[in-house]
């Protein structure tokens, strides 16, 4: 991909978010200056393997790293196998539980596989921060710590709230920013990517790079992706996440379930469309030349193709059209996670679609229950979780979307 410096800046700044306009202007100016040097920049994204699975919210900074990669820059995917042992306190209102080395290594195995659905494995540099952290002496850690004050750490929003409430803040939590800052030094990074919750840690890297005689890295923090509810941060624990490692049918269906008001955010943070293409799509939408459903289907197909290829995106779309559009279903309906097989009668009662098991049995036997449009008449029928979304209809007006855990 060959773009001018101005075109690169516009693409790379898309979807970024900073605490204030002054910081944005400074980072954009530094990025423009660094790109004008005409050399491949060293750009890194660090990810701590604290869990085995990733969702689309995790991939937002990965998409930004892929953009740098496509522009010919050096993409470094840093796996924080050492910092994961400490636990990142960013965006946490309490101490994060520490993992064992065995837990970290088990999680590492899944990370690169999922990351390579976005990044080009042939052009991605994989590093582990245990390479340098394990050799640090206690004297080295003291020297790193001497560059920061306790007051600076207590100014962090999450630490300030915990301190004000009298909740404990442990010393090892302060070490996290030191360790991440030292990553930037060891990688000689030009740019570090991360979510907005990583601002303090990235700035710590800039500080330490100056201490070590390096030019401070550019901070590009990406906006936080809202979940499928359109309001809260995407999170598996909140039930509003879209997993990376799921079926194309489920991914496409969940993308179609997002509210209209977050469509542009999803386009900017997840899709492969350029800024000018996104502007044109939403200009057509506002002018009435495109229907919101068509725009959302364009988004769902594009994002699903990133993770499952064009064939997977086609399957996801066909499933959605068959199950949702051709069955005259409502645009919005309650969602229920189906983690395990469930008897149809028990499920109807559990969802509040019938007041008792006897009523549920009667509805089934009289043909008033459908799953994906197919009538269920056997009261012993078991609804199986198969990795895809399904629609349960009871009577004429009661609908529930069943989604995989």
Protein backbone atom coordinates (compact mmCIF):
# COMPACT_ATOMS: atom_id res chain seq x y z
CA UNK A 1 0.00 0.00 0.00
CA UNK A 2 1.60 3.27 -1.16
CA UNK A 3 0.14 6.41 0.38
CA UNK A 4 1.42 9.93 0.89
CA UNK A 5 2.34 11.09 4.39
CA UNK A 6 -0.94 13.03 4.63
CA UNK A 7 -2.95 9.97 3.54
CA UNK A 8 -1.11 7.75 6.01
CA UNK A 9 -1.74 10.18 8.86
CA UNK A 10 -5.46 10.35 8.10
CA UNK A 11 -5.75 6.56 7.97
CA UNK A 12 -3.68 5.94 11.08
CA UNK A 13 -5.41 8.62 13.17
CA UNK A 14 -8.85 7.20 12.31
CA UNK A 15 -10.44 5.63 15.38
CA UNK A 16 -7.88 7.06 17.80
CA UNK A 17 -8.95 8.80 20.97
CA UNK A 18 -7.04 10.96 23.43
CA UNK A 19 -7.85 12.64 26.70
CA UNK A 20 -7.68 16.13 25.22
CA UNK A 21 -7.30 17.89 21.89
CA UNK A 22 -3.82 19.17 22.73
CA UNK A 23 -2.51 15.62 23.15
CA UNK A 24 -4.13 14.57 19.87
CA UNK A 25 -2.52 17.46 18.01
CA UNK A 26 0.90 16.72 19.53
CA UNK A 27 0.76 13.00 18.69
CA UNK A 28 -0.47 13.69 15.15
CA UNK A 29 2.35 16.20 14.60
CA UNK A 30 4.94 13.73 15.91
CA UNK A 31 3.52 10.95 13.72
CA UNK A 32 3.66 13.18 10.65
CA UNK A 33 7.25 14.13 11.44
CA UNK A 34 8.31 10.51 11.98
CA UNK A 35 6.60 9.30 8.77
CA UNK A 36 8.33 12.08 6.82
CA UNK A 37 11.66 10.43 7.66
CA UNK A 38 10.82 7.92 4.94
CA UNK A 39 11.81 4.76 6.84
CA UNK A 40 9.79 1.86 8.23
CA UNK A 41 8.67 2.76 11.74
CA UNK A 42 8.91 0.25 14.59
CA UNK A 43 5.34 -0.08 15.82
CA UNK A 44 4.30 -2.34 18.65
CA UNK A 45 1.23 -3.58 20.42
CA UNK A 46 1.60 -5.39 23.70
CA UNK A 47 -1.00 -7.90 24.86
CA UNK A 48 -0.95 -9.69 28.20
CA UNK A 49 -2.24 -13.28 27.92
CA UNK A 50 -4.56 -13.04 30.93
CA UNK A 51 -7.33 -15.16 29.35
CA UNK A 52 -7.43 -17.73 26.53
CA UNK A 53 -10.00 -15.99 24.35
CA UNK A 54 -10.22 -12.62 22.64
CA UNK A 55 -13.26 -10.63 21.51
CA UNK A 56 -13.58 -7.96 18.82
CA UNK A 57 -12.89 -5.20 21.36
CA UNK A 58 -9.40 -6.65 21.84
CA UNK A 59 -8.77 -6.55 18.10
CA UNK A 60 -9.25 -2.78 17.68
CA UNK A 61 -5.57 -1.91 18.35
CA UNK A 62 -4.60 -5.03 16.36
CA UNK A 63 -6.41 -3.57 13.35
CA UNK A 64 -4.35 -0.42 13.80
CA UNK A 65 -1.15 -2.49 13.90
CA UNK A 66 -2.28 -4.24 10.70
CA UNK A 67 -2.72 -0.83 9.04
CA UNK A 68 0.87 0.09 9.87
CA UNK A 69 1.94 -3.32 8.57
CA UNK A 70 0.11 -2.82 5.27
CA UNK A 71 1.86 0.55 4.88
CA UNK A 72 5.24 -1.18 5.06
CA UNK A 73 6.15 -0.48 8.68
CA UNK A 74 7.58 -3.03 11.12
CA UNK A 75 4.75 -4.57 13.14
CA UNK A 76 5.79 -5.99 16.52
CA UNK A 77 3.27 -8.09 18.44
CA UNK A 78 4.58 -8.21 21.99
CA UNK A 79 3.22 -10.94 24.22
CA UNK A 80 3.48 -9.81 27.83
CA UNK A 81 4.24 -13.21 29.32
CA UNK A 82 6.20 -11.51 32.14
CA UNK A 83 3.94 -8.51 32.79
CA UNK A 84 0.92 -10.85 32.88
CA UNK A 85 2.44 -12.28 36.07
CA UNK A 86 2.16 -8.81 37.65
CA UNK A 87 -1.32 -7.93 36.41
CA UNK A 88 -2.22 -4.69 34.64
CA UNK A 89 -4.13 -2.39 37.05
CA UNK A 90 -5.33 -0.17 34.18
CA UNK A 91 -9.09 0.36 34.11
CA UNK A 92 -9.51 -1.80 37.23
CA UNK A 93 -11.22 -0.76 40.46
CA UNK A 94 -9.51 -3.50 42.45
CA UNK A 95 -6.33 -5.54 42.42
CA UNK A 96 -6.20 -7.94 39.47
CA UNK A 97 -5.59 -11.55 40.51
CA UNK A 98 -2.07 -12.71 39.67
CA UNK A 99 -1.66 -15.63 37.30
CA UNK A 100 0.74 -18.54 37.54
CA UNK A 101 3.39 -19.11 34.83
CA UNK A 102 1.45 -22.23 33.78
CA UNK A 103 -1.76 -20.25 33.29
CA UNK A 104 0.07 -17.62 31.25
CA UNK A 105 1.71 -20.18 28.96
CA UNK A 106 -1.61 -21.93 28.37
CA UNK A 107 -3.16 -18.61 27.30
CA UNK A 108 -0.19 -17.72 25.08
CA UNK A 109 -0.92 -20.70 22.83
CA UNK A 110 -4.23 -19.23 21.67
CA UNK A 111 -3.14 -15.59 21.28
CA UNK A 112 -0.98 -15.79 18.19
CA UNK A 113 -3.52 -18.01 16.40
CA UNK A 114 -6.26 -15.45 17.00
CA UNK A 115 -3.98 -12.46 16.25
CA UNK A 116 -2.98 -13.93 12.88
CA UNK A 117 -6.58 -13.66 11.74
CA UNK A 118 -5.78 -9.94 11.48
CA UNK A 119 -2.00 -9.68 11.19
CA UNK A 120 0.13 -11.08 8.37
CA UNK A 121 2.15 -13.85 10.08
CA UNK A 122 4.92 -13.56 7.47
CA UNK A 123 5.49 -9.90 8.32
CA UNK A 124 4.82 -9.86 12.05
CA UNK A 125 7.63 -9.81 14.59
CA UNK A 126 6.62 -11.81 17.69
CA UNK A 127 8.42 -10.90 20.91
CA UNK A 128 7.98 -11.91 24.56
CA UNK A 129 8.85 -9.41 27.28
CA UNK A 130 10.24 -12.16 29.49
CA UNK A 131 13.25 -11.94 27.14
CA UNK A 132 14.51 -8.88 29.03
CA UNK A 133 12.50 -8.69 32.24
CA UNK A 134 13.75 -11.98 33.60
CA UNK A 135 17.33 -10.72 33.52
CA UNK A 136 16.65 -7.49 35.42
CA UNK A 137 18.23 -7.25 38.85
CA UNK A 138 16.58 -5.62 41.85
CA UNK A 139 19.03 -2.74 41.40
CA UNK A 140 17.77 -2.32 37.83
CA UNK A 141 14.17 -2.11 39.05
CA UNK A 142 15.11 0.51 41.67
CA UNK A 143 16.82 2.55 38.95
CA UNK A 144 13.68 2.43 36.77
CA UNK A 145 11.48 3.37 39.74
CA UNK A 146 13.64 6.41 40.54
CA UNK A 147 12.22 8.15 37.45
CA UNK A 148 8.68 8.37 38.86
CA UNK A 149 7.01 9.72 41.98
CA UNK A 150 4.28 8.15 44.09
CA UNK A 151 2.16 11.25 43.43
CA UNK A 152 2.30 10.58 39.67
CA UNK A 153 0.90 7.11 40.19
CA UNK A 154 -1.80 8.26 42.59
CA UNK A 155 -3.03 10.72 39.97
CA UNK A 156 -4.16 7.75 37.84
CA UNK A 157 -7.93 7.75 37.87
CA UNK A 158 -8.36 4.16 39.06
CA UNK A 159 -5.68 4.49 41.76
CA UNK A 160 -7.11 7.84 42.91
CA UNK A 161 -10.58 6.31 43.34
CA UNK A 162 -9.24 3.33 45.26
CA UNK A 163 -7.07 5.56 47.46
CA UNK A 164 -10.03 7.86 48.22
CA UNK A 165 -12.17 4.88 49.23
CA UNK A 166 -9.41 3.45 51.38
CA UNK A 167 -9.09 0.36 49.19
CA UNK A 168 -5.63 -1.26 49.13
CA UNK A 169 -3.13 -0.44 46.37
CA UNK A 170 -0.23 -2.88 46.33
CA UNK A 171 3.35 -1.99 45.43
CA UNK A 172 3.54 -4.58 42.66
CA UNK A 173 0.77 -2.70 40.83
CA UNK A 174 3.09 0.31 40.55
CA UNK A 175 5.71 -1.91 38.92
CA UNK A 176 3.45 -2.68 35.97
CA UNK A 177 3.86 0.72 34.31
CA UNK A 178 7.64 0.53 34.87
CA UNK A 179 7.80 -2.84 33.15
CA UNK A 180 5.66 -1.77 30.20
CA UNK A 181 7.68 1.43 29.87
CA UNK A 182 10.86 -0.64 29.75
CA UNK A 183 9.34 -2.71 26.92
CA UNK A 184 9.33 0.43 24.76
CA UNK A 185 13.02 0.98 25.54
CA UNK A 186 14.02 -2.58 24.66
CA UNK A 187 12.01 -2.53 21.44
CA UNK A 188 13.31 0.95 20.48
CA UNK A 189 9.70 1.70 19.54
CA UNK A 190 8.65 4.58 17.32
CA UNK A 191 4.95 4.03 18.03
CA UNK A 192 3.04 2.16 20.73
CA UNK A 193 -0.60 1.21 20.26
CA UNK A 194 -3.19 0.46 22.92
CA UNK A 195 -6.64 1.29 24.21
CA UNK A 196 -7.25 4.57 26.00
CA UNK A 197 -6.89 2.71 29.30
CA UNK A 198 -3.18 2.29 28.44
CA UNK A 199 -2.41 6.03 28.33
CA UNK A 200 -0.46 6.13 31.61
CA UNK A 201 1.61 3.06 30.71
CA UNK A 202 2.47 4.37 27.24
CA UNK A 203 3.50 7.74 28.65
CA UNK A 204 5.73 5.90 31.11
CA UNK A 205 7.42 4.37 28.07
CA UNK A 206 8.00 7.82 26.56
CA UNK A 207 9.58 8.96 29.82
CA UNK A 208 11.93 5.98 30.08
CA UNK A 209 12.96 6.21 26.43
CA UNK A 210 14.13 9.77 27.03
CA UNK A 211 16.04 8.58 30.12
CA UNK A 212 17.78 5.96 27.97
CA UNK A 213 18.61 8.50 25.25
CA UNK A 214 15.94 7.41 22.78
CA UNK A 215 13.44 9.50 20.89
CA UNK A 216 10.09 9.08 22.75
CA UNK A 217 7.55 6.86 21.09
CA UNK A 218 4.33 8.21 19.62
CA UNK A 219 1.23 7.25 21.58
CA UNK A 220 -1.73 6.14 19.47
CA UNK A 221 -4.60 5.09 21.71
CA UNK A 222 -7.70 3.64 20.12
CA UNK A 223 -11.25 4.25 21.22
CA UNK A 224 -12.95 1.58 23.31
CA UNK A 225 -15.38 -0.54 21.29
CA UNK A 226 -18.91 -0.60 22.75
CA UNK A 227 -20.54 -4.00 23.09
CA UNK A 228 -23.56 -5.28 21.23
CA UNK A 229 -25.77 -3.30 23.62
CA UNK A 230 -24.30 -0.11 22.15
CA UNK A 231 -23.48 1.49 25.50
CA UNK A 232 -21.16 -0.52 27.74
CA UNK A 233 -17.56 -1.45 26.93
CA UNK A 234 -17.45 -4.81 25.14
CA UNK A 235 -16.86 -7.44 27.80
CA UNK A 236 -17.48 -11.16 28.05
CA UNK A 237 -18.58 -10.72 31.66
CA UNK A 238 -21.27 -8.23 30.58
CA UNK A 239 -22.63 -10.60 27.95
CA UNK A 240 -22.21 -8.05 25.14
CA UNK A 241 -19.08 -9.45 23.49
CA UNK A 242 -18.46 -10.89 20.03
CA UNK A 243 -15.75 -13.56 20.32
CA UNK A 244 -12.96 -13.79 17.77
CA UNK A 245 -13.07 -17.58 17.91
CA UNK A 246 -16.73 -18.13 17.01
CA UNK A 247 -18.65 -19.28 13.95
CA UNK A 248 -19.25 -16.92 11.01
CA UNK A 249 -23.00 -17.32 11.52
CA UNK A 250 -22.75 -16.18 15.13
CA UNK A 251 -20.34 -13.32 14.36
CA UNK A 252 -22.46 -12.01 11.49
CA UNK A 253 -25.66 -12.28 13.54
CA UNK A 254 -24.20 -10.47 16.53
CA UNK A 255 -22.87 -7.67 14.33
CA UNK A 256 -26.37 -7.28 12.90
CA UNK A 257 -27.73 -6.93 16.45
CA UNK A 258 -25.80 -3.75 17.29
CA UNK A 259 -27.86 -0.53 17.58
CA UNK A 260 -27.76 1.84 14.61
CA UNK A 261 -26.12 4.63 16.61
CA UNK A 262 -22.84 2.69 16.99
CA UNK A 263 -22.55 1.55 13.36
CA UNK A 264 -20.08 4.26 12.43
CA UNK A 265 -17.89 3.44 15.44
CA UNK A 266 -17.81 -0.21 14.36
CA UNK A 267 -16.96 0.80 10.77
CA UNK A 268 -14.09 2.99 11.97
CA UNK A 269 -12.66 0.57 14.53
CA UNK A 270 -13.18 -2.83 12.90
CA UNK A 271 -13.74 -2.65 9.15
CA UNK A 272 -11.27 -2.49 6.26
CA UNK A 273 -12.99 0.52 4.68
CA UNK A 274 -10.90 3.67 4.23
CA UNK A 275 -11.91 6.97 5.89
CA UNK A 276 -13.18 8.36 2.57
CA UNK A 277 -15.23 5.21 1.89
CA UNK A 278 -16.80 5.41 5.36
CA UNK A 279 -17.62 9.09 4.80
CA UNK A 280 -19.36 8.19 1.52
CA UNK A 281 -21.33 5.32 3.09
CA UNK A 282 -22.69 7.49 5.87
CA UNK A 283 -23.36 10.43 3.55
CA UNK A 284 -25.59 8.07 1.54
CA UNK A 285 -27.22 6.86 4.75
CA UNK A 286 -28.01 10.38 5.94
CA UNK A 287 -29.34 11.34 2.51
CA UNK A 288 -31.66 8.33 2.45
CA UNK A 289 -29.84 6.65 -0.44
CA UNK A 290 -28.97 3.65 1.76
CA UNK A 291 -31.14 1.81 4.27
CA UNK A 292 -29.67 1.31 7.78
CA UNK A 293 -30.17 -2.46 7.46
CA UNK A 294 -28.15 -2.52 4.22
CA UNK A 295 -25.33 -0.51 5.81
CA UNK A 296 -25.26 -2.85 8.78
CA UNK A 297 -25.14 -5.89 6.47
CA UNK A 298 -22.22 -4.29 4.64
CA UNK A 299 -20.43 -3.93 7.98
CA UNK A 300 -21.26 -7.46 9.13
CA UNK A 301 -20.05 -9.02 5.89
CA UNK A 302 -16.81 -7.00 5.90
CA UNK A 303 -15.88 -7.76 9.51
CA UNK A 304 -16.88 -11.43 9.33
CA UNK A 305 -14.71 -11.81 6.20
CA UNK A 306 -11.69 -10.55 8.15
CA UNK A 307 -11.92 -13.53 10.50
CA UNK A 308 -13.59 -16.19 8.35
CA UNK A 309 -12.83 -15.24 4.75
CA UNK A 310 -15.33 -14.39 2.02
CA UNK A 311 -16.85 -17.87 2.11
CA UNK A 312 -17.47 -17.61 5.86
CA UNK A 313 -18.99 -14.14 5.42
CA UNK A 314 -21.30 -15.50 2.72
CA UNK A 315 -22.42 -18.34 5.01
CA UNK A 316 -23.03 -15.90 7.85
CA UNK A 317 -25.11 -13.65 5.63
CA UNK A 318 -27.15 -16.53 4.18
CA UNK A 319 -27.88 -17.82 7.68
CA UNK A 320 -28.98 -14.38 8.83
CA UNK A 321 -31.23 -13.81 5.81
CA UNK A 322 -32.80 -17.26 6.15
CA UNK A 323 -33.34 -17.17 9.90
CA UNK A 324 -34.07 -13.50 10.52
CA UNK A 325 -35.18 -11.65 7.42
CA UNK A 326 -37.29 -14.26 5.67
CA UNK A 327 -39.17 -15.25 8.82
CA UNK A 328 -40.73 -11.82 9.39
CA UNK A 329 -39.01 -11.43 12.70
CA UNK A 330 -38.80 -8.19 14.71
CA UNK A 331 -35.64 -6.11 14.30
CA UNK A 332 -34.98 -6.31 18.04
CA UNK A 333 -35.71 -9.11 20.48
CA UNK A 334 -34.45 -10.31 23.87
CA UNK A 335 -31.27 -12.40 23.82
CA UNK A 336 -30.55 -15.44 25.96
CA UNK A 337 -27.28 -17.34 26.27
CA UNK A 338 -27.63 -21.08 25.77
CA UNK A 339 -24.55 -22.65 27.39
CA UNK A 340 -25.81 -26.26 27.39
CA UNK A 341 -28.54 -28.48 25.87
CA UNK A 342 -31.98 -27.64 27.19
CA UNK A 343 -35.36 -29.34 27.00
CA UNK A 344 -37.77 -27.18 24.99
CA UNK A 345 -40.45 -27.12 27.72
CA UNK A 346 -37.96 -26.19 30.45
CA UNK A 347 -36.46 -23.50 28.21
CA UNK A 348 -39.83 -21.88 27.47
CA UNK A 349 -40.62 -21.64 31.18
CA UNK A 350 -37.12 -20.41 32.06
CA UNK A 351 -37.46 -17.60 29.50
CA UNK A 352 -40.85 -16.57 30.88
CA UNK A 353 -42.61 -17.39 27.59
CA UNK A 354 -45.10 -19.54 29.49
CA UNK A 355 -46.28 -19.36 33.08
CA UNK A 356 -45.95 -23.08 33.78
CA UNK A 357 -44.64 -26.34 32.35
CA UNK A 358 -48.17 -27.51 31.61
CA UNK A 359 -48.81 -24.37 29.54
CA UNK A 360 -45.46 -24.82 27.77
CA UNK A 361 -46.25 -28.44 26.94
CA UNK A 362 -49.64 -27.42 25.58
CA UNK A 363 -48.07 -24.73 23.38
CA UNK A 364 -45.58 -27.24 21.97
CA UNK A 365 -48.20 -29.94 21.32
CA UNK A 366 -50.56 -27.45 19.64
CA UNK A 367 -47.87 -26.25 17.22
CA UNK A 368 -47.35 -22.83 18.79
CA UNK A 369 -43.57 -23.14 19.15
CA UNK A 370 -41.02 -22.65 16.37
CA UNK A 371 -37.23 -22.74 16.31
CA UNK A 372 -35.72 -20.88 13.34
CA UNK A 373 -39.13 -21.07 11.71
CA UNK A 374 -39.48 -24.84 12.09
CA UNK A 375 -42.41 -26.04 14.20
CA UNK A 376 -41.47 -28.04 17.32
CA UNK A 377 -44.21 -30.46 18.48
CA UNK A 378 -42.20 -32.93 20.58
CA UNK A 379 -42.21 -32.00 24.29
CA UNK A 380 -39.01 -34.03 24.71
CA UNK A 381 -37.16 -32.01 22.06
CA UNK A 382 -33.75 -30.73 23.20
CA UNK A 383 -32.38 -27.39 21.97
CA UNK A 384 -28.68 -27.85 21.28
CA UNK A 385 -26.04 -25.05 21.43
CA UNK A 386 -24.13 -25.40 18.16
CA UNK A 387 -22.14 -22.16 17.99
CA UNK A 388 -24.77 -20.24 16.00
CA UNK A 389 -27.64 -17.94 16.95
CA UNK A 390 -31.21 -19.25 16.77
CA UNK A 391 -34.64 -17.71 17.19
CA UNK A 392 -37.26 -19.26 19.44
CA UNK A 393 -40.82 -18.14 18.73
CA UNK A 394 -43.70 -18.92 21.10
CA UNK A 395 -47.15 -17.94 19.90
CA UNK A 396 -47.44 -15.05 17.47
CA UNK A 397 -45.58 -12.30 19.28
CA UNK A 398 -43.02 -13.77 21.68
CA UNK A 399 -39.47 -14.02 20.30
CA UNK A 400 -36.13 -14.75 21.95
CA UNK A 401 -32.76 -14.97 20.23
CA UNK A 402 -30.71 -17.87 21.59
CA UNK A 403 -26.98 -17.14 21.41
CA UNK A 404 -23.99 -19.39 22.19
CA UNK A 405 -22.08 -18.94 25.43
